[in-house]
Amino acid sequence: GAARAHPFSRSCVMSGLEVEPYWRDVGT
């Protein structure tokens, strides 16, 4: 019971162009 989640949206760095949090796994 000692683990916490941190949603990416809270610390994502966005400029004026970006409208939503950007994260990609370019693994394929």
PDB file of all heavy atoms in Angstrom:
ATOM      1  N   GLY A   1       0.800  -1.231   0.000  1.00  0.00           N
ATOM      2  CA  GLY A   1       0.000   0.000   0.000  1.00  0.00           C
ATOM      3  C   GLY A   1       0.825   1.269   0.000  1.00  0.00           C
ATOM      4  O   GLY A   1       0.310   2.357   0.289  1.00  0.00           O
ATOM      5  N   ALA A   2       2.124   1.169  -0.374  1.00  0.00           N
ATOM      6  CA  ALA A   2       3.013   2.330  -0.276  1.00  0.00           C
ATOM      7  C   ALA A   2       3.438   2.872  -1.639  1.00  0.00           C
ATOM      8  O   ALA A   2       4.416   3.616  -1.734  1.00  0.00           O
ATOM      9  CB  ALA A   2       4.237   1.962   0.547  1.00  0.00           C
ATOM     10  N   ALA A   3       2.715   2.513  -2.697  1.00  0.00           N
ATOM     11  CA  ALA A   3       3.067   2.973  -4.044  1.00  0.00           C
ATOM     12  C   ALA A   3       2.068   4.023  -4.526  1.00  0.00           C
ATOM     13  O   ALA A   3       0.865   3.912  -4.287  1.00  0.00           O
ATOM     14  CB  ALA A   3       3.094   1.796  -5.012  1.00  0.00           C
ATOM     15  N   ARG A   4       2.582   5.042  -5.202  1.00  0.00           N
ATOM     16  CA  ARG A   4       1.738   6.107  -5.742  1.00  0.00           C
ATOM     17  C   ARG A   4       1.979   6.255  -7.241  1.00  0.00           C
ATOM     18  O   ARG A   4       3.083   6.030  -7.733  1.00  0.00           O
ATOM     19  CB  ARG A   4       2.047   7.449  -5.063  1.00  0.00           C
ATOM     20  CG  ARG A   4       1.594   7.539  -3.603  1.00  0.00           C
ATOM     21  CD  ARG A   4       0.082   7.704  -3.510  1.00  0.00           C
ATOM     22  NE  ARG A   4      -0.383   7.972  -2.155  1.00  0.00           N
ATOM     23  CZ  ARG A   4      -0.578   7.057  -1.217  1.00  0.00           C
ATOM     24  NH1 ARG A   4      -0.306   5.785  -1.490  1.00  0.00           N
ATOM     25  NH2 ARG A   4      -1.015   7.378  -0.023  1.00  0.00           N
ATOM     26  N   ALA A   5       0.938   6.650  -7.940  1.00  0.00           N
ATOM     27  CA  ALA A   5       1.037   6.910  -9.376  1.00  0.00           C
ATOM     28  C   ALA A   5       1.250   8.399  -9.615  1.00  0.00           C
ATOM     29  O   ALA A   5       0.751   9.240  -8.854  1.00  0.00           O
ATOM     30  CB  ALA A   5      -0.229   6.439 -10.085  1.00  0.00           C
ATOM     31  N   HIS A   6       1.992   8.711 -10.659  1.00  0.00           N
ATOM     32  CA  HIS A   6       2.178  10.103 -11.076  1.00  0.00           C
ATOM     33  C   HIS A   6       1.747  10.225 -12.536  1.00  0.00           C
ATOM     34  O   HIS A   6       2.481   9.814 -13.442  1.00  0.00           O
ATOM     35  CB  HIS A   6       3.637  10.535 -10.921  1.00  0.00           C
ATOM     36  CG  HIS A   6       3.904  11.925 -11.442  1.00  0.00           C
ATOM     37  ND1 HIS A   6       3.670  13.053 -10.690  1.00  0.00           N
ATOM     38  CD2 HIS A   6       4.347  12.362 -12.652  1.00  0.00           C
ATOM     39  CE1 HIS A   6       3.981  14.119 -11.403  1.00  0.00           C
ATOM     40  NE2 HIS A   6       4.382  13.728 -12.597  1.00  0.00           N
ATOM     41  N   PRO A   7       0.550  10.759 -12.798  1.00  0.00           N
ATOM     42  CA  PRO A   7       0.094  10.912 -14.187  1.00  0.00           C
ATOM     43  C   PRO A   7       1.016  11.842 -14.969  1.00  0.00           C
ATOM     44  O   PRO A   7       1.376  12.932 -14.492  1.00  0.00           O
ATOM     45  CB  PRO A   7      -1.302  11.518 -14.030  1.00  0.00           C
ATOM     46  CG  PRO A   7      -1.742  11.120 -12.651  1.00  0.00           C
ATOM     47  CD  PRO A   7      -0.490  11.143 -11.824  1.00  0.00           C
ATOM     48  N   PHE A   8       1.384  11.414 -16.144  1.00  0.00           N
ATOM     49  CA  PHE A   8       2.303  12.160 -17.002  1.00  0.00           C
ATOM     50  C   PHE A   8       1.806  13.576 -17.283  1.00  0.00           C
ATOM     51  O   PHE A   8       2.599  14.513 -17.419  1.00  0.00           O
ATOM     52  CB  PHE A   8       2.488  11.372 -18.302  1.00  0.00           C
ATOM     53  CG  PHE A   8       3.345  12.041 -19.344  1.00  0.00           C
ATOM     54  CD1 PHE A   8       4.616  12.504 -19.047  1.00  0.00           C
ATOM     55  CD2 PHE A   8       2.882  12.188 -20.650  1.00  0.00           C
ATOM     56  CE1 PHE A   8       5.410  13.106 -20.019  1.00  0.00           C
ATOM     57  CE2 PHE A   8       3.663  12.779 -21.624  1.00  0.00           C
ATOM     58  CZ  PHE A   8       4.929  13.242 -21.303  1.00  0.00           C
ATOM     59  N   SER A   9       0.497  13.748 -17.354  1.00  0.00           N
ATOM     60  CA  SER A   9      -0.071  15.057 -17.686  1.00  0.00           C
ATOM     61  C   SER A   9       0.325  16.142 -16.686  1.00  0.00           C
ATOM     62  O   SER A   9       0.325  17.330 -17.017  1.00  0.00           O
ATOM     63  CB  SER A   9      -1.596  14.970 -17.770  1.00  0.00           C
ATOM     64  OG  SER A   9      -2.129  14.471 -16.551  1.00  0.00           O
ATOM     65  N   ARG A  10       0.694  15.759 -15.472  1.00  0.00           N
ATOM     66  CA  ARG A  10       1.051  16.740 -14.441  1.00  0.00           C
ATOM     67  C   ARG A  10       2.453  17.315 -14.623  1.00  0.00           C
ATOM     68  O   ARG A  10       2.750  18.393 -14.096  1.00  0.00           O
ATOM     69  CB  ARG A  10       0.958  16.107 -13.048  1.00  0.00           C
ATOM     70  CG  ARG A  10      -0.448  15.736 -12.636  1.00  0.00           C
ATOM     71  CD  ARG A  10      -0.460  15.146 -11.252  1.00  0.00           C
ATOM     72  NE  ARG A  10      -1.758  14.552 -10.938  1.00  0.00           N
ATOM     73  CZ  ARG A  10      -1.982  13.771  -9.905  1.00  0.00           C
ATOM     74  NH1 ARG A  10      -0.978  13.490  -9.065  1.00  0.00           N
ATOM     75  NH2 ARG A  10      -3.175  13.250  -9.694  1.00  0.00           N
ATOM     76  N   SER A  11       3.314  16.595 -15.314  1.00  0.00           N
ATOM     77  CA  SER A  11       4.696  17.067 -15.441  1.00  0.00           C
ATOM     78  C   SER A  11       5.176  17.109 -16.889  1.00  0.00           C
ATOM     79  O   SER A  11       6.344  17.400 -17.146  1.00  0.00           O
ATOM     80  CB  SER A  11       5.634  16.174 -14.620  1.00  0.00           C
ATOM     81  OG  SER A  11       5.464  14.810 -14.956  1.00  0.00           O
ATOM     82  N   CYS A  12       4.276  16.836 -17.830  1.00  0.00           N
ATOM     83  CA  CYS A  12       4.623  16.918 -19.248  1.00  0.00           C
ATOM     84  C   CYS A  12       4.957  18.362 -19.617  1.00  0.00           C
ATOM     85  O   CYS A  12       4.270  19.292 -19.188  1.00  0.00           O
ATOM     86  CB  CYS A  12       3.464  16.416 -20.095  1.00  0.00           C
ATOM     87  SG  CYS A  12       3.697  16.624 -21.861  1.00  0.00           S
ATOM     88  N   VAL A  13       6.004  18.551 -20.385  1.00  0.00           N
ATOM     89  CA  VAL A  13       6.394  19.889 -20.836  1.00  0.00           C
ATOM     90  C   VAL A  13       5.779  20.129 -22.208  1.00  0.00           C
ATOM     91  O   VAL A  13       6.045  19.391 -23.161  1.00  0.00           O
ATOM     92  CB  VAL A  13       7.924  20.019 -20.902  1.00  0.00           C
ATOM     93  CG1 VAL A  13       8.314  21.377 -21.471  1.00  0.00           C
ATOM     94  CG2 VAL A  13       8.534  19.816 -19.520  1.00  0.00           C
ATOM     95  N   MET A  14       4.948  21.164 -22.301  1.00  0.00           N
ATOM     96  CA  MET A  14       4.289  21.470 -23.568  1.00  0.00           C
ATOM     97  C   MET A  14       4.536  22.921 -23.950  1.00  0.00           C
ATOM     98  O   MET A  14       4.544  23.808 -23.096  1.00  0.00           O
ATOM     99  CB  MET A  14       2.777  21.216 -23.460  1.00  0.00           C
ATOM    100  CG  MET A  14       2.416  19.750 -23.316  1.00  0.00           C
ATOM    101  SD  MET A  14       0.652  19.415 -23.541  1.00  0.00           S
ATOM    102  CE  MET A  14      -0.026  20.162 -22.069  1.00  0.00           C
ATOM    103  N   SER A  15       4.755  23.148 -25.245  1.00  0.00           N
ATOM    104  CA  SER A  15       4.906  24.502 -25.759  1.00  0.00           C
ATOM    105  C   SER A  15       3.559  24.962 -26.315  1.00  0.00           C
ATOM    106  O   SER A  15       2.542  24.293 -26.150  1.00  0.00           O
ATOM    107  CB  SER A  15       5.965  24.529 -26.857  1.00  0.00           C
ATOM    108  OG  SER A  15       5.461  23.879 -28.018  1.00  0.00           O
ATOM    109  N   GLY A  16       3.560  26.097 -26.992  1.00  0.00           N
ATOM    110  CA  GLY A  16       2.317  26.618 -27.550  1.00  0.00           C
ATOM    111  C   GLY A  16       1.728  25.728 -28.632  1.00  0.00           C
ATOM    112  O   GLY A  16       0.518  25.698 -28.840  1.00  0.00           O
ATOM    113  N   LEU A  17       2.598  24.964 -29.349  1.00  0.00           N
ATOM    114  CA  LEU A  17       2.113  24.127 -30.447  1.00  0.00           C
ATOM    115  C   LEU A  17       1.401  22.876 -29.944  1.00  0.00           C
ATOM    116  O   LEU A  17       0.460  22.390 -30.563  1.00  0.00           O
ATOM    117  CB  LEU A  17       3.285  23.703 -31.343  1.00  0.00           C
ATOM    118  CG  LEU A  17       3.780  24.695 -32.393  1.00  0.00           C
ATOM    119  CD1 LEU A  17       4.959  24.098 -33.148  1.00  0.00           C
ATOM    120  CD2 LEU A  17       2.669  25.051 -33.373  1.00  0.00           C
ATOM    121  N   GLU A  18       1.872  22.331 -28.832  1.00  0.00           N
ATOM    122  CA  GLU A  18       1.356  21.048 -28.352  1.00  0.00           C
ATOM    123  C   GLU A  18       0.058  21.240 -27.582  1.00  0.00           C
ATOM    124  O   GLU A  18      -0.043  22.123 -26.725  1.00  0.00           O
ATOM    125  CB  GLU A  18       2.417  20.370 -27.471  1.00  0.00           C
ATOM    126  CG  GLU A  18       3.642  19.942 -28.269  1.00  0.00           C
ATOM    127  CD  GLU A  18       4.923  19.939 -27.461  1.00  0.00           C
ATOM    128  OE1 GLU A  18       5.057  20.744 -26.526  1.00  0.00           O
ATOM    129  OE2 GLU A  18       5.810  19.147 -27.783  1.00  0.00           O
ATOM    130  N   VAL A  19      -0.928  20.427 -27.892  1.00  0.00           N
ATOM    131  CA  VAL A  19      -2.245  20.583 -27.261  1.00  0.00           C
ATOM    132  C   VAL A  19      -2.551  19.480 -26.254  1.00  0.00           C
ATOM    133  O   VAL A  19      -3.479  19.589 -25.474  1.00  0.00           O
ATOM    134  CB  VAL A  19      -3.364  20.642 -28.330  1.00  0.00           C
ATOM    135  CG1 VAL A  19      -3.225  21.890 -29.182  1.00  0.00           C
ATOM    136  CG2 VAL A  19      -3.357  19.387 -29.213  1.00  0.00           C
ATOM    137  N   GLU A  20      -1.784  18.392 -26.289  1.00  0.00           N
ATOM    138  CA  GLU A  20      -1.980  17.323 -25.310  1.00  0.00           C
ATOM    139  C   GLU A  20      -0.635  16.649 -25.037  1.00  0.00           C
ATOM    140  O   GLU A  20       0.298  16.747 -25.849  1.00  0.00           O
ATOM    141  CB  GLU A  20      -3.002  16.300 -25.804  1.00  0.00           C
ATOM    142  CG  GLU A  20      -2.645  15.605 -27.084  1.00  0.00           C
ATOM    143  CD  GLU A  20      -3.732  14.631 -27.532  1.00  0.00           C
ATOM    144  OE1 GLU A  20      -4.916  14.859 -27.223  1.00  0.00           O
ATOM    145  OE2 GLU A  20      -3.369  13.633 -28.176  1.00  0.00           O
ATOM    146  N   PRO A  21      -0.505  15.989 -23.883  1.00  0.00           N
ATOM    147  CA  PRO A  21       0.773  15.357 -23.536  1.00  0.00           C
ATOM    148  C   PRO A  21       1.236  14.373 -24.610  1.00  0.00           C
ATOM    149  O   PRO A  21       0.456  13.568 -25.106  1.00  0.00           O
ATOM    150  CB  PRO A  21       0.460  14.633 -22.220  1.00  0.00           C
ATOM    151  CG  PRO A  21      -0.671  15.399 -21.624  1.00  0.00           C
ATOM    152  CD  PRO A  21      -1.500  15.852 -22.786  1.00  0.00           C
ATOM    153  N   TYR A  22       2.514  14.480 -24.968  1.00  0.00           N
ATOM    154  CA  TYR A  22       3.082  13.652 -26.035  1.00  0.00           C
ATOM    155  C   TYR A  22       4.035  12.627 -25.444  1.00  0.00           C
ATOM    156  O   TYR A  22       5.029  12.974 -24.789  1.00  0.00           O
ATOM    157  CB  TYR A  22       3.827  14.536 -27.039  1.00  0.00           C
ATOM    158  CG  TYR A  22       4.386  13.787 -28.239  1.00  0.00           C
ATOM    159  CD1 TYR A  22       3.707  13.758 -29.447  1.00  0.00           C
ATOM    160  CD2 TYR A  22       5.603  13.106 -28.157  1.00  0.00           C
ATOM    161  CE1 TYR A  22       4.209  13.069 -30.550  1.00  0.00           C
ATOM    162  CE2 TYR A  22       6.113  12.414 -29.255  1.00  0.00           C
ATOM    163  CZ  TYR A  22       5.413  12.401 -30.444  1.00  0.00           C
ATOM    164  OH  TYR A  22       5.915  11.723 -31.526  1.00  0.00           O
ATOM    165  N   TRP A  23       3.752  11.349 -25.657  1.00  0.00           N
ATOM    166  CA  TRP A  23       4.633  10.246 -25.250  1.00  0.00           C
ATOM    167  C   TRP A  23       4.485   9.143 -26.277  1.00  0.00           C
ATOM    168  O   TRP A  23       3.380   8.727 -26.590  1.00  0.00           O
ATOM    169  CB  TRP A  23       4.236   9.740 -23.861  1.00  0.00           C
ATOM    170  CG  TRP A  23       5.110   8.648 -23.312  1.00  0.00           C
ATOM    171  CD1 TRP A  23       6.271   8.802 -22.611  1.00  0.00           C
ATOM    172  CD2 TRP A  23       4.895   7.231 -23.401  1.00  0.00           C
ATOM    173  NE1 TRP A  23       6.793   7.576 -22.265  1.00  0.00           N
ATOM    174  CE2 TRP A  23       5.969   6.587 -22.739  1.00  0.00           C
ATOM    175  CE3 TRP A  23       3.906   6.433 -23.974  1.00  0.00           C
ATOM    176  CZ2 TRP A  23       6.074   5.208 -22.636  1.00  0.00           C
ATOM    177  CZ3 TRP A  23       4.004   5.051 -23.881  1.00  0.00           C
ATOM    178  CH2 TRP A  23       5.084   4.450 -23.213  1.00  0.00           C
ATOM    179  N   ARG A  24       5.604   8.697 -26.827  1.00  0.00           N
ATOM    180  CA  ARG A  24       5.561   7.650 -27.851  1.00  0.00           C
ATOM    181  C   ARG A  24       6.591   6.565 -27.551  1.00  0.00           C
ATOM    182  O   ARG A  24       7.740   6.851 -27.212  1.00  0.00           O
ATOM    183  CB  ARG A  24       5.852   8.230 -29.246  1.00  0.00           C
ATOM    184  CG  ARG A  24       4.832   9.234 -29.763  1.00  0.00           C
ATOM    185  CD  ARG A  24       3.509   8.602 -30.136  1.00  0.00           C
ATOM    186  NE  ARG A  24       2.635   9.559 -30.788  1.00  0.00           N
ATOM    187  CZ  ARG A  24       1.846  10.421 -30.142  1.00  0.00           C
ATOM    188  NH1 ARG A  24       1.822  10.444 -28.820  1.00  0.00           N
ATOM    189  NH2 ARG A  24       1.081  11.268 -30.814  1.00  0.00           N
ATOM    190  N   ASP A  25       6.149   5.326 -27.692  1.00  0.00           N
ATOM    191  CA  ASP A  25       7.058   4.196 -27.709  1.00  0.00           C
ATOM    192  C   ASP A  25       7.238   3.830 -29.177  1.00  0.00           C
ATOM    193  O   ASP A  25       6.368   3.203 -29.778  1.00  0.00           O
ATOM    194  CB  ASP A  25       6.473   3.018 -26.924  1.00  0.00           C
ATOM    195  CG  ASP A  25       7.355   1.777 -26.987  1.00  0.00           C
ATOM    196  OD1 ASP A  25       8.462   1.872 -27.552  1.00  0.00           O
ATOM    197  OD2 ASP A  25       6.943   0.720 -26.490  1.00  0.00           O
ATOM    198  N   VAL A  26       8.366   4.257 -29.758  1.00  0.00           N
ATOM    199  CA  VAL A  26       8.564   4.053 -31.203  1.00  0.00           C
ATOM    200  C   VAL A  26       9.231   2.691 -31.428  1.00  0.00           C
ATOM    201  O   VAL A  26      10.222   2.572 -32.144  1.00  0.00           O
ATOM    202  CB  VAL A  26       9.395   5.197 -31.822  1.00  0.00           C
ATOM    203  CG1 VAL A  26       8.571   6.464 -31.875  1.00  0.00           C
ATOM    204  CG2 VAL A  26      10.687   5.442 -31.039  1.00  0.00           C
ATOM    205  N   GLY A  27       8.639   1.663 -30.836  1.00  0.00           N
ATOM    206  CA  GLY A  27       9.261   0.345 -30.810  1.00  0.00           C
ATOM    207  C   GLY A  27       8.952  -0.550 -31.989  1.00  0.00           C
ATOM    208  O   GLY A  27       9.467  -1.668 -32.073  1.00  0.00           O
ATOM    209  N   THR A  28       8.103  -0.113 -32.919  1.00  0.00           N
ATOM    210  CA  THR A  28       7.837  -0.890 -34.138  1.00  0.00           C
ATOM    211  C   THR A  28       8.167  -0.023 -35.347  1.00  0.00           C
ATOM    212  O   THR A  28       8.259   1.205 -35.248  1.00  0.00           O
ATOM    213  CB  THR A  28       6.364  -1.324 -34.228  1.00  0.00           C
ATOM    214  OG1 THR A  28       5.538  -0.142 -34.385  1.00  0.00           O
ATOM    215  CG2 THR A  28       5.926  -2.079 -32.980  1.00  0.00           C
TER     216      THR A  28
END
